[in-house]
Amino acid sequence: MSDSFFQVIARYQPRDGQLETVLELLAELTTATRAEPGCVSFEYFRNVENPGEVVIVERFVDQAGFAAHRDTEHFTRIGVEQIVPLLEARSSTKAVATLV
């Protein structure tokens, strides 16, 4: 039997001098996101090959769980209003993944 989930891999490139602030805000966002009922896991990492880039791996029970995450107060307050203005660039890839 296999389990499937909705996965998002996001890449953030903070503006010069903003990396530490972005990491602090991500720590706050991570704590709140992990408490969501639809969250399977939420992790973030500094890219080894590009230390100025942050990679976020998000897993939700399904696409609806991810949509609910984007509607939360903490996502808007921390992610949209505080983190996004500190970024030079960002991108994401979304997929339905299956554990076998």
C-alpha atoms as a PDB file:
ATOM      1  CA  MET A   1       0.000   0.000   0.000  1.00  0.00           C
ATOM      2  CA  SER A   2       1.218   3.505  -0.743  1.00  0.00           C
ATOM      3  CA  ASP A   3       0.518   6.930   0.681  1.00  0.00           C
ATOM      4  CA  SER A   4       0.355  10.044  -1.445  1.00  0.00           C
ATOM      5  CA  PHE A   5       0.726  13.672  -0.472  1.00  0.00           C
ATOM      6  CA  PHE A   6       0.968  17.100  -2.074  1.00  0.00           C
ATOM      7  CA  GLN A   7       4.514  18.449  -2.096  1.00  0.00           C
ATOM      8  CA  VAL A   8       5.867  21.912  -2.753  1.00  0.00           C
ATOM      9  CA  ILE A   9       9.543  22.730  -3.132  1.00  0.00           C
ATOM     10  CA  ALA A  10      10.139  26.470  -2.926  1.00  0.00           C
ATOM     11  CA  ARG A  11      13.384  28.345  -3.478  1.00  0.00           C
ATOM     12  CA  TYR A  12      13.960  31.772  -1.960  1.00  0.00           C
ATOM     13  CA  GLN A  13      16.799  34.136  -2.835  1.00  0.00           C
ATOM     14  CA  PRO A  14      16.810  36.840  -0.135  1.00  0.00           C
ATOM     15  CA  ARG A  15      17.985  40.350  -0.978  1.00  0.00           C
ATOM     16  CA  ASP A  16      21.499  41.271   0.140  1.00  0.00           C
ATOM     17  CA  GLY A  17      21.692  41.433   3.928  1.00  0.00           C
ATOM     18  CA  GLN A  18      18.266  39.827   4.454  1.00  0.00           C
ATOM     19  CA  LEU A  19      19.148  36.112   4.742  1.00  0.00           C
ATOM     20  CA  GLU A  20      19.226  35.974   8.549  1.00  0.00           C
ATOM     21  CA  THR A  21      15.926  37.846   8.843  1.00  0.00           C
ATOM     22  CA  VAL A  22      14.308  35.481   6.323  1.00  0.00           C
ATOM     23  CA  LEU A  23      15.597  32.465   8.282  1.00  0.00           C
ATOM     24  CA  GLU A  24      14.208  33.880  11.546  1.00  0.00           C
ATOM     25  CA  LEU A  25      10.810  34.486   9.958  1.00  0.00           C
ATOM     26  CA  LEU A  26      10.842  30.999   8.414  1.00  0.00           C
ATOM     27  CA  ALA A  27      11.409  29.518  11.868  1.00  0.00           C
ATOM     28  CA  GLU A  28       8.253  31.256  13.072  1.00  0.00           C
ATOM     29  CA  LEU A  29       6.307  30.225   9.968  1.00  0.00           C
ATOM     30  CA  THR A  30       7.519  26.632  10.315  1.00  0.00           C
ATOM     31  CA  THR A  31       6.226  26.293  13.874  1.00  0.00           C
ATOM     32  CA  ALA A  32       2.789  27.595  12.921  1.00  0.00           C
ATOM     33  CA  THR A  33       2.593  25.552   9.714  1.00  0.00           C
ATOM     34  CA  ARG A  34       3.517  22.275  11.400  1.00  0.00           C
ATOM     35  CA  ALA A  35       0.493  22.724  13.694  1.00  0.00           C
ATOM     36  CA  GLU A  36      -1.919  22.807  10.746  1.00  0.00           C
ATOM     37  CA  PRO A  37      -4.104  19.698  10.412  1.00  0.00           C
ATOM     38  CA  GLY A  38      -3.215  19.270   6.721  1.00  0.00           C
ATOM     39  CA  CYS A  39       0.558  19.555   7.178  1.00  0.00           C
ATOM     40  CA  VAL A  40       2.578  16.352   6.858  1.00  0.00           C
ATOM     41  CA  SER A  41       5.964  18.109   7.136  1.00  0.00           C
ATOM     42  CA  PHE A  42       7.545  21.513   6.628  1.00  0.00           C
ATOM     43  CA  GLU A  43      11.345  21.903   6.471  1.00  0.00           C
ATOM     44  CA  TYR A  44      13.733  24.535   5.200  1.00  0.00           C
ATOM     45  CA  PHE A  45      17.428  24.379   4.341  1.00  0.00           C
ATOM     46  CA  ARG A  46      20.242  26.566   3.088  1.00  0.00           C
ATOM     47  CA  ASN A  47      21.424  25.407  -0.317  1.00  0.00           C
ATOM     48  CA  VAL A  48      24.938  23.936   0.018  1.00  0.00           C
ATOM     49  CA  GLU A  49      25.889  24.958  -3.521  1.00  0.00           C
ATOM     50  CA  ASN A  50      24.411  28.464  -3.124  1.00  0.00           C
ATOM     51  CA  PRO A  51      24.415  29.427   0.591  1.00  0.00           C
ATOM     52  CA  GLY A  52      22.387  32.561  -0.176  1.00  0.00           C
ATOM     53  CA  GLU A  53      19.423  30.440  -1.281  1.00  0.00           C
ATOM     54  CA  VAL A  54      16.857  28.854   1.012  1.00  0.00           C
ATOM     55  CA  VAL A  55      15.037  25.684  -0.076  1.00  0.00           C
ATOM     56  CA  ILE A  56      11.696  24.887   1.562  1.00  0.00           C
ATOM     57  CA  VAL A  57      10.140  21.416   1.317  1.00  0.00           C
ATOM     58  CA  GLU A  58       6.463  21.377   2.252  1.00  0.00           C
ATOM     59  CA  ARG A  59       4.238  18.310   2.365  1.00  0.00           C
ATOM     60  CA  PHE A  60       0.486  18.380   2.884  1.00  0.00           C
ATOM     61  CA  VAL A  61      -2.081  15.594   2.997  1.00  0.00           C
ATOM     62  CA  ASP A  62      -3.468  16.810  -0.328  1.00  0.00           C
ATOM     63  CA  GLN A  63      -3.828  19.880  -2.515  1.00  0.00           C
ATOM     64  CA  ALA A  64      -6.717  21.101  -0.355  1.00  0.00           C
ATOM     65  CA  GLY A  65      -4.420  20.991   2.692  1.00  0.00           C
ATOM     66  CA  PHE A  66      -1.944  23.202   0.851  1.00  0.00           C
ATOM     67  CA  ALA A  67      -4.722  25.581  -0.190  1.00  0.00           C
ATOM     68  CA  ALA A  68      -5.866  25.785   3.441  1.00  0.00           C
ATOM     69  CA  HIS A  69      -2.270  26.591   4.445  1.00  0.00           C
ATOM     70  CA  ARG A  70      -2.208  29.520   2.020  1.00  0.00           C
ATOM     71  CA  ASP A  71      -5.416  30.830   3.616  1.00  0.00           C
ATOM     72  CA  THR A  72      -4.019  30.891   7.172  1.00  0.00           C
ATOM     73  CA  GLU A  73      -3.364  34.064   9.113  1.00  0.00           C
ATOM     74  CA  HIS A  74       0.269  33.110   9.732  1.00  0.00           C
ATOM     75  CA  PHE A  75       0.970  32.461   6.048  1.00  0.00           C
ATOM     76  CA  THR A  76      -0.362  35.901   5.135  1.00  0.00           C
ATOM     77  CA  ARG A  77       1.243  37.737   8.056  1.00  0.00           C
ATOM     78  CA  ILE A  78       4.658  36.055   7.955  1.00  0.00           C
ATOM     79  CA  GLY A  79       5.031  34.631   4.463  1.00  0.00           C
ATOM     80  CA  VAL A  80       3.324  37.204   2.278  1.00  0.00           C
ATOM     81  CA  GLU A  81       3.670  40.394   4.294  1.00  0.00           C
ATOM     82  CA  GLN A  82       7.096  39.901   5.907  1.00  0.00           C
ATOM     83  CA  ILE A  83       9.164  37.362   3.938  1.00  0.00           C
ATOM     84  CA  VAL A  84       8.200  38.082   0.316  1.00  0.00           C
ATOM     85  CA  PRO A  85       9.299  41.762   0.440  1.00  0.00           C
ATOM     86  CA  LEU A  86      12.767  40.599   1.585  1.00  0.00           C
ATOM     87  CA  LEU A  87      13.286  38.365  -1.463  1.00  0.00           C
ATOM     88  CA  GLU A  88      15.145  39.098  -4.659  1.00  0.00           C
ATOM     89  CA  ALA A  89      13.525  36.074  -6.332  1.00  0.00           C
ATOM     90  CA  ARG A  90      11.445  33.008  -5.532  1.00  0.00           C
ATOM     91  CA  SER A  91      10.179  29.955  -7.358  1.00  0.00           C
ATOM     92  CA  SER A  92       8.296  26.778  -6.554  1.00  0.00           C
ATOM     93  CA  THR A  93       7.496  23.358  -7.926  1.00  0.00           C
ATOM     94  CA  LYS A  94       4.330  21.509  -6.946  1.00  0.00           C
ATOM     95  CA  ALA A  95       3.682  17.782  -7.312  1.00  0.00           C
ATOM     96  CA  VAL A  96       1.609  14.927  -6.011  1.00  0.00           C
ATOM     97  CA  ALA A  97       4.096  12.470  -4.563  1.00  0.00           C
ATOM     98  CA  THR A  98       3.634   8.856  -3.582  1.00  0.00           C
ATOM     99  CA  LEU A  99       5.573   6.925  -0.956  1.00  0.00           C
ATOM    100  CA  VAL A 100       5.922   3.307  -1.920  1.00  0.00           C
END
